[in-house]
PDB file of N, CA and C in Angstrom:
ATOM      1  N   PRO A   1     133.655  98.410  99.688  1.00  0.00           N
ATOM      2  CA  PRO A   1     133.109  99.662  98.790  1.00  0.00           C
ATOM      3  C   PRO A   1     132.154 100.078 100.117  1.00  0.00           C
ATOM      4  N   LEU A   2     131.788 101.238 100.591  1.00  0.00           N
ATOM      5  CA  LEU A   2     130.614 101.553 101.393  1.00  0.00           C
ATOM      6  C   LEU A   2     129.704 102.048 100.556  1.00  0.00           C
ATOM      7  N   LEU A   3     128.103 101.439 101.097  1.00  0.00           N
ATOM      8  CA  LEU A   3     127.252 101.819 100.452  1.00  0.00           C
ATOM      9  C   LEU A   3     126.408 102.441 101.168  1.00  0.00           C
ATOM     10  N   HIS A   4     125.446 103.289 101.129  1.00  0.00           N
ATOM     11  CA  HIS A   4     124.288 103.747 101.494  1.00  0.00           C
ATOM     12  C   HIS A   4     123.106 102.929 101.146  1.00  0.00           C
ATOM     13  N   THR A   5     122.850 102.068 101.844  1.00  0.00           N
ATOM     14  CA  THR A   5     121.656 101.272 101.175  1.00  0.00           C
ATOM     15  C   THR A   5     120.275 101.521 101.877  1.00  0.00           C
ATOM     16  N   LEU A   6     120.560 102.457 103.301  1.00  0.00           N
ATOM     17  CA  LEU A   6     118.922 102.103 104.083  1.00  0.00           C
ATOM     18  C   LEU A   6     118.554 103.697 103.996  1.00  0.00           C
ATOM     19  N   GLN A   7     117.713 103.869 104.233  1.00  0.00           N
ATOM     20  CA  GLN A   7     117.517 105.200 104.262  1.00  0.00           C
ATOM     21  C   GLN A   7     115.819 105.226 105.519  1.00  0.00           C
ATOM     22  N   ARG A   8     116.319 106.106 106.272  1.00  0.00           N
ATOM     23  CA  ARG A   8     115.551 105.910 107.357  1.00  0.00           C
ATOM     24  C   ARG A   8     114.207 106.672 107.044  1.00  0.00           C
ATOM     25  N   GLN A   9     112.870 106.225 107.432  1.00  0.00           N
ATOM     26  CA  GLN A   9     111.401 106.578 107.572  1.00  0.00           C
ATOM     27  C   GLN A   9     111.401 107.516 108.331  1.00  0.00           C
ATOM     28  N   SER A  10     111.661 107.821 109.577  1.00  0.00           N
ATOM     29  CA  SER A  10     111.476 108.642 110.477  1.00  0.00           C
ATOM     30  C   SER A  10     112.456 109.090 111.527  1.00  0.00           C
ATOM     31  N   THR A  11     111.826 110.653 111.917  1.00  0.00           N
ATOM     32  CA  THR A  11     112.482 111.176 112.451  1.00  0.00           C
ATOM     33  C   THR A  11     112.411 111.178 113.891  1.00  0.00           C
ATOM     34  N   ALA A  12     111.755 110.218 114.348  1.00  0.00           N
ATOM     35  CA  ALA A  12     111.801 109.647 115.866  1.00  0.00           C
ATOM     36  C   ALA A  12     112.540 109.755 116.523  1.00  0.00           C
ATOM     37  N   VAL A  13     112.883 110.442 117.712  1.00  0.00           N
ATOM     38  CA  VAL A  13     113.847 110.129 118.762  1.00  0.00           C
ATOM     39  C   VAL A  13     113.355 109.269 119.927  1.00  0.00           C
ATOM     40  N   PHE A  14     114.398 108.721 120.056  1.00  0.00           N
ATOM     41  CA  PHE A  14     114.143 107.418 120.963  1.00  0.00           C
ATOM     42  C   PHE A  14     114.764 107.827 122.147  1.00  0.00           C
ATOM     43  N   HIS A  15     115.493 108.412 122.492  1.00  0.00           N
ATOM     44  CA  HIS A  15     116.106 108.529 124.266  1.00  0.00           C
ATOM     45  C   HIS A  15     115.314 108.829 125.145  1.00  0.00           C
ATOM     46  N   MET A  16     114.054 109.271 124.968  1.00  0.00           N
ATOM     47  CA  MET A  16     113.187 109.224 125.805  1.00  0.00           C
ATOM     48  C   MET A  16     111.875 108.455 126.091  1.00  0.00           C
ATOM     49  N   LEU A  17     112.192 107.056 125.129  1.00  0.00           N
ATOM     50  CA  LEU A  17     111.188 105.822 125.519  1.00  0.00           C
ATOM     51  C   LEU A  17     111.519 104.777 126.048  1.00  0.00           C
ATOM     52  N   ASN A  18     110.837 104.196 126.088  1.00  0.00           N
ATOM     53  CA  ASN A  18     111.430 102.883 127.525  1.00  0.00           C
ATOM     54  C   ASN A  18     111.678 101.858 126.463  1.00  0.00           C
ATOM     55  N   ARG A  19     112.235 100.542 126.653  1.00  0.00           N
ATOM     56  CA  ARG A  19     112.780  99.645 125.768  1.00  0.00           C
ATOM     57  C   ARG A  19     111.106  99.016 125.009  1.00  0.00           C
ATOM     58  N   ALA A  20     110.207  98.813 125.301  1.00  0.00           N
ATOM     59  CA  ALA A  20     108.960  98.556 124.837  1.00  0.00           C
ATOM     60  C   ALA A  20     108.809  99.398 123.416  1.00  0.00           C
ATOM     61  N   GLN A  21     108.585 100.895 123.437  1.00  0.00           N
ATOM     62  CA  GLN A  21     108.337 101.717 122.796  1.00  0.00           C
ATOM     63  C   GLN A  21     109.086 101.990 121.981  1.00  0.00           C
ATOM     64  N   ARG A  22     110.768 102.140 122.322  1.00  0.00           N
ATOM     65  CA  ARG A  22     112.091 101.901 121.323  1.00  0.00           C
ATOM     66  C   ARG A  22     111.538 100.697 120.095  1.00  0.00           C
ATOM     67  N   LEU A  23     110.887  99.502 120.403  1.00  0.00           N
ATOM     68  CA  LEU A  23     111.245  98.272 119.665  1.00  0.00           C
ATOM     69  C   LEU A  23     109.543  98.723 118.992  1.00  0.00           C
ATOM     70  N   ALA A  24     108.494  99.079 118.896  1.00  0.00           N
ATOM     71  CA  ALA A  24     107.280  99.174 118.824  1.00  0.00           C
ATOM     72  C   ALA A  24     107.775 100.605 117.388  1.00  0.00           C
ATOM     73  N   ALA A  25     108.653 101.456 118.111  1.00  0.00           N
ATOM     74  CA  ALA A  25     108.934 102.547 116.862  1.00  0.00           C
ATOM     75  C   ALA A  25     109.405 102.318 116.198  1.00  0.00           C
ATOM     76  N   SER A  26     110.481 101.463 116.038  1.00  0.00           N
ATOM     77  CA  SER A  26     111.405 101.213 115.230  1.00  0.00           C
ATOM     78  C   SER A  26     111.048 100.208 114.055  1.00  0.00           C
ATOM     79  N   GLN A  27     109.919  99.593 114.331  1.00  0.00           N
ATOM     80  CA  GLN A  27     109.179  98.735 113.025  1.00  0.00           C
ATOM     81  C   GLN A  27     109.032  99.533 111.738  1.00  0.00           C
ATOM     82  N   GLY A  28     109.451  99.072 110.899  1.00  0.00           N
ATOM     83  CA  GLY A  28     109.406  99.456 109.618  1.00  0.00           C
ATOM     84  C   GLY A  28     110.342 101.240 109.477  1.00  0.00           C
ATOM     85  N   LEU A  29     111.255 101.039 110.465  1.00  0.00           N
ATOM     86  CA  LEU A  29     112.214 102.600 110.452  1.00  0.00           C
ATOM     87  C   LEU A  29     112.813 103.225 109.063  1.00  0.00           C
ATOM     88  N   PHE A  30     113.125 101.953 108.409  1.00  0.00           N
ATOM     89  CA  PHE A  30     114.579 101.605 107.581  1.00  0.00           C
ATOM     90  C   PHE A  30     113.923 101.071 106.413  1.00  0.00           C
ATOM     91  N   LYS A  31     114.127 101.513 105.153  1.00  0.00           N
ATOM     92  CA  LYS A  31     113.685 101.164 104.008  1.00  0.00           C
ATOM     93  C   LYS A  31     114.931 100.824 102.902  1.00  0.00           C
ATOM     94  N   VAL A  32     115.163  99.751 102.464  1.00  0.00           N
ATOM     95  CA  VAL A  32     116.378  99.438 101.546  1.00  0.00           C
ATOM     96  C   VAL A  32     116.324 100.568 100.272  1.00  0.00           C
ATOM     97  N   THR A  33     117.380 100.713  99.541  1.00  0.00           N
ATOM     98  CA  THR A  33     117.114 102.042  98.605  1.00  0.00           C
ATOM     99  C   THR A  33     118.052 101.291  97.230  1.00  0.00           C
ATOM    100  N   LYS A  34     118.759 100.118  97.081  1.00  0.00           N
ATOM    101  CA  LYS A  34     119.609  99.959  96.522  1.00  0.00           C
ATOM    102  C   LYS A  34     119.332  98.310  96.255  1.00  0.00           C
ATOM    103  N   PRO A  35     119.706  97.634  95.184  1.00  0.00           N
ATOM    104  CA  PRO A  35     119.042  96.192  94.955  1.00  0.00           C
ATOM    105  C   PRO A  35     120.258  95.580  96.016  1.00  0.00           C
ATOM    106  N   LEU A  36     120.052  94.148  96.658  1.00  0.00           N
ATOM    107  CA  LEU A  36     121.113  93.450  97.450  1.00  0.00           C
ATOM    108  C   LEU A  36     122.048  92.177  96.831  1.00  0.00           C
ATOM    109  N   ASN A  37     123.216  92.441  96.714  1.00  0.00           N
ATOM    110  CA  ASN A  37     123.802  90.763  96.345  1.00  0.00           C
ATOM    111  C   ASN A  37     123.427  90.128  97.819  1.00  0.00           C
ATOM    112  N   PRO A  38     122.901  88.768  97.859  1.00  0.00           N
ATOM    113  CA  PRO A  38     122.558  88.105  98.835  1.00  0.00           C
ATOM    114  C   PRO A  38     124.250  87.114  98.766  1.00  0.00           C
ATOM    115  N   ASN A  39     124.765  87.332  98.135  1.00  0.00           N
ATOM    116  CA  ASN A  39     126.360  86.657  98.474  1.00  0.00           C
ATOM    117  C   ASN A  39     127.383  87.805  99.087  1.00  0.00           C
ATOM    118  N   GLN A  40     126.925  89.127  99.153  1.00  0.00           N
ATOM    119  CA  GLN A  40     127.747  90.072 100.021  1.00  0.00           C
ATOM    120  C   GLN A  40     127.201  90.144 101.360  1.00  0.00           C
ATOM    121  N   THR A  41     128.564  90.385 102.267  1.00  0.00           N
ATOM    122  CA  THR A  41     128.050  90.839 104.161  1.00  0.00           C
ATOM    123  C   THR A  41     127.699  92.294 103.962  1.00  0.00           C
ATOM    124  N   TYR A  42     126.980  92.546 104.518  1.00  0.00           N
ATOM    125  CA  TYR A  42     126.748  93.776 105.105  1.00  0.00           C
ATOM    126  C   TYR A  42     126.953  94.080 106.336  1.00  0.00           C
ATOM    127  N   VAL A  43     127.520  95.355 106.456  1.00  0.00           N
ATOM    128  CA  VAL A  43     127.849  95.612 108.261  1.00  0.00           C
ATOM    129  C   VAL A  43     127.330  97.025 108.385  1.00  0.00           C
ATOM    130  N   LEU A  44     126.562  96.688 109.321  1.00  0.00           N
ATOM    131  CA  LEU A  44     125.634  98.108 109.881  1.00  0.00           C
ATOM    132  C   LEU A  44     126.964  98.624 110.720  1.00  0.00           C
ATOM    133  N   ILE A  45     126.982 100.496 111.081  1.00  0.00           N
ATOM    134  CA  ILE A  45     127.819 100.566 111.904  1.00  0.00           C
ATOM    135  C   ILE A  45     127.036 101.671 112.819  1.00  0.00           C
ATOM    136  N   ASP A  46     126.627 101.207 113.728  1.00  0.00           N
ATOM    137  CA  ASP A  46     126.281 102.479 114.606  1.00  0.00           C
ATOM    138  C   ASP A  46     126.802 102.716 115.767  1.00  0.00           C
ATOM    139  N   ASP A  47     126.699 104.267 116.270  1.00  0.00           N
ATOM    140  CA  ASP A  47     127.310 105.384 117.322  1.00  0.00           C
ATOM    141  C   ASP A  47     126.871 104.778 118.262  1.00  0.00           C
ATOM    142  N   VAL A  48     126.078 104.689 118.989  1.00  0.00           N
ATOM    143  CA  VAL A  48     125.485 103.964 120.347  1.00  0.00           C
ATOM    144  C   VAL A  48     124.797 102.848 120.572  1.00  0.00           C
ATOM    145  N   PHE A  49     124.925 101.620 120.757  1.00  0.00           N
ATOM    146  CA  PHE A  49     123.981 100.742 121.544  1.00  0.00           C
ATOM    147  C   PHE A  49     123.184 100.572 122.655  1.00  0.00           C
ATOM    148  N   THR A  50     122.187 101.124 122.516  1.00  0.00           N
ATOM    149  CA  THR A  50     121.434 100.999 123.950  1.00  0.00           C
ATOM    150  C   THR A  50     120.682  99.385 124.003  1.00  0.00           C
ATOM    151  N   THR A  51     119.657  99.635 123.187  1.00  0.00           N
ATOM    152  CA  THR A  51     118.256  98.721 123.468  1.00  0.00           C
ATOM    153  C   THR A  51     118.620  97.358 121.964  1.00  0.00           C
ATOM    154  N   GLY A  52     119.086  98.150 120.884  1.00  0.00           N
ATOM    155  CA  GLY A  52     119.386  97.411 119.690  1.00  0.00           C
ATOM    156  C   GLY A  52     118.027  97.324 119.056  1.00  0.00           C
ATOM    157  N   ALA A  53     117.472  98.433 119.620  1.00  0.00           N
ATOM    158  CA  ALA A  53     116.034  98.466 118.587  1.00  0.00           C
ATOM    159  C   ALA A  53     116.212  99.000 116.979  1.00  0.00           C
ATOM    160  N   THR A  54     116.996  99.964 116.802  1.00  0.00           N
ATOM    161  CA  THR A  54     117.416 100.443 115.198  1.00  0.00           C
ATOM    162  C   THR A  54     118.273  99.224 114.722  1.00  0.00           C
ATOM    163  N   LEU A  55     119.118  98.979 115.789  1.00  0.00           N
ATOM    164  CA  LEU A  55     120.009  97.902 114.995  1.00  0.00           C
ATOM    165  C   LEU A  55     119.230  96.571 114.392  1.00  0.00           C
ATOM    166  N   SER A  56     118.107  96.148 115.325  1.00  0.00           N
ATOM    167  CA  SER A  56     117.370  95.243 114.747  1.00  0.00           C
ATOM    168  C   SER A  56     116.542  96.120 113.400  1.00  0.00           C
ATOM    169  N   ALA A  57     116.173  96.933 113.436  1.00  0.00           N
ATOM    170  CA  ALA A  57     114.944  97.450 112.478  1.00  0.00           C
ATOM    171  C   ALA A  57     115.709  97.456 111.018  1.00  0.00           C
ATOM    172  N   ALA A  58     117.211  97.754 111.074  1.00  0.00           N
ATOM    173  CA  ALA A  58     118.210  98.099 110.058  1.00  0.00           C
ATOM    174  C   ALA A  58     118.427  96.937 109.337  1.00  0.00           C
ATOM    175  N   ARG A  59     118.861  95.862 110.817  1.00  0.00           N
ATOM    176  CA  ARG A  59     118.837  93.838 109.934  1.00  0.00           C
ATOM    177  C   ARG A  59     117.670  93.771 109.506  1.00  0.00           C
ATOM    178  N   THR A  60     116.687  94.082 109.856  1.00  0.00           N
ATOM    179  CA  THR A  60     115.566  93.480 109.138  1.00  0.00           C
ATOM    180  C   THR A  60     115.138  93.630 108.089  1.00  0.00           C
ATOM    181  N   ALA A  61     115.461  94.994 107.940  1.00  0.00           N
ATOM    182  CA  ALA A  61     115.000  95.577 106.640  1.00  0.00           C
ATOM    183  C   ALA A  61     116.122  95.098 105.464  1.00  0.00           C
ATOM    184  N   LEU A  62     116.629  94.420 105.745  1.00  0.00           N
ATOM    185  CA  LEU A  62     118.184  94.341 105.012  1.00  0.00           C
ATOM    186  C   LEU A  62     117.980  92.763 104.468  1.00  0.00           C
ATOM    187  N   LEU A  63     117.242  91.755 105.757  1.00  0.00           N
ATOM    188  CA  LEU A  63     117.185  90.582 105.266  1.00  0.00           C
ATOM    189  C   LEU A  63     115.917  90.739 104.685  1.00  0.00           C
ATOM    190  N   HIS A  64     114.954  91.412 104.792  1.00  0.00           N
ATOM    191  CA  HIS A  64     113.598  91.430 103.721  1.00  0.00           C
ATOM    192  C   HIS A  64     114.143  91.616 102.880  1.00  0.00           C
ATOM    193  N   ALA A  65     115.146  92.502 102.439  1.00  0.00           N
ATOM    194  CA  ALA A  65     115.773  92.964 101.212  1.00  0.00           C
ATOM    195  C   ALA A  65     116.309  91.912 100.168  1.00  0.00           C
ATOM    196  N   GLY A  66     116.811  90.911 101.043  1.00  0.00           N
ATOM    197  CA  GLY A  66     117.836  89.813 100.679  1.00  0.00           C
ATOM    198  C   GLY A  66     119.004  89.449 100.556  1.00  0.00           C
ATOM    199  N   ALA A  67     119.212  90.296 101.427  1.00  0.00           N
ATOM    200  CA  ALA A  67     120.878  89.791 102.564  1.00  0.00           C
ATOM    201  C   ALA A  67     120.398  88.821 103.417  1.00  0.00           C
ATOM    202  N   ARG A  68     121.614  88.124 103.065  1.00  0.00           N
ATOM    203  CA  ARG A  68     121.834  86.765 104.293  1.00  0.00           C
ATOM    204  C   ARG A  68     122.800  87.043 105.461  1.00  0.00           C
ATOM    205  N   ASP A  69     123.612  87.998 105.355  1.00  0.00           N
ATOM    206  CA  ASP A  69     124.679  88.078 106.043  1.00  0.00           C
ATOM    207  C   ASP A  69     124.625  89.323 106.641  1.00  0.00           C
ATOM    208  N   VAL A  70     124.294  89.554 107.648  1.00  0.00           N
ATOM    209  CA  VAL A  70     124.186  91.284 107.967  1.00  0.00           C
ATOM    210  C   VAL A  70     124.795  90.820 109.828  1.00  0.00           C
ATOM    211  N   ARG A  71     125.829  92.052 109.667  1.00  0.00           N
ATOM    212  CA  ARG A  71     126.106  92.212 111.056  1.00  0.00           C
ATOM    213  C   ARG A  71     126.961  93.652 111.710  1.00  0.00           C
ATOM    214  N   ALA A  72     126.957  93.858 113.015  1.00  0.00           N
ATOM    215  CA  ALA A  72     127.065  95.166 113.591  1.00  0.00           C
ATOM    216  C   ALA A  72     128.626  95.662 113.765  1.00  0.00           C
ATOM    217  N   VAL A  73     128.429  96.572 114.096  1.00  0.00           N
ATOM    218  CA  VAL A  73     129.885  96.989 114.657  1.00  0.00           C
ATOM    219  C   VAL A  73     129.145  98.374 115.558  1.00  0.00           C
ATOM    220  N   VAL A  74     129.536  98.391 116.806  1.00  0.00           N
ATOM    221  CA  VAL A  74     128.836  99.665 117.549  1.00  0.00           C
ATOM    222  C   VAL A  74     130.404 100.429 118.116  1.00  0.00           C
ATOM    223  N   VAL A  75     130.026 101.856 118.562  1.00  0.00           N
ATOM    224  CA  VAL A  75     131.192 102.287 118.777  1.00  0.00           C
ATOM    225  C   VAL A  75     131.094 102.613 120.251  1.00  0.00           C
ATOM    226  N   ALA A  76     130.177 102.586 120.940  1.00  0.00           N
ATOM    227  CA  ALA A  76     129.773 102.481 122.246  1.00  0.00           C
ATOM    228  C   ALA A  76     128.477 101.836 122.746  1.00  0.00           C
ATOM    229  N   ARG A  77     128.670 101.522 123.874  1.00  0.00           N
ATOM    230  CA  ARG A  77     127.560 101.016 124.461  1.00  0.00           C
ATOM    231  C   ARG A  77     127.019 101.593 125.995  1.00  0.00           C
ATOM    232  N   GLN A  78     126.007 102.110 125.415  1.00  0.00           N
ATOM    233  CA  GLN A  78     124.969 102.509 126.612  1.00  0.00           C
ATOM    234  C   GLN A  78     123.860 101.756 127.509  1.00  0.00           C
ATOM    235  N   PRO A  79     124.706 101.547 128.649  1.00  0.00           N
ATOM    236  CA  PRO A  79     123.424 100.165 129.392  1.00  0.00           C
ATOM    237  C   PRO A  79     121.770 101.070 129.399  1.00  0.00           C
ATOM    238  N   TYR A  80     121.208 100.200 128.885  1.00  0.00           N
ATOM    239  CA  TYR A  80     119.703 101.009 129.186  1.00  0.00           C
ATOM    240  C   TYR A  80     118.820 101.126 130.793  1.00  0.00           C
ATOM    241  N   LYS A  81     118.591 102.134 131.061  1.00  0.00           N
ATOM    242  CA  LYS A  81     118.245 102.486 132.801  1.00  0.00           C
ATOM    243  C   LYS A  81     116.486 102.754 132.250  1.00  0.00           C
ATOM    244  N   GLN A  82     115.795 102.068 133.306  1.00  0.00           N
ATOM    245  CA  GLN A  82     114.808 102.348 133.403  1.00  0.00           C
ATOM    246  C   GLN A  82     114.685 103.120 134.275  1.00  0.00           C
ATOM    247  N   ASP A  83     113.344 103.961 134.276  1.00  0.00           N
ATOM    248  CA  ASP A  83     113.386 104.995 135.467  1.00  0.00           C
ATOM    249  C   ASP A  83     111.880 104.921 135.683  1.00  0.00           C
TER     250      ASP A  83
END
């Protein structure tokens, strides 16, 4: 089943941030809105992976809420380019 268990806590836009700023801005980015079953596998789906900050924040939120198995699927990889 598809469950929407994460709620984004900020509308911050990351595309203009460097990697360190993205990682800092992603701390506490998500909260878990439903009880989790520790025996369930949770799969995060993201459209574009750049630095991994958003997926990392989502995974951390799920693990802190009791998930033990968190995986990710991404549609596209955008290599991060520092200016």
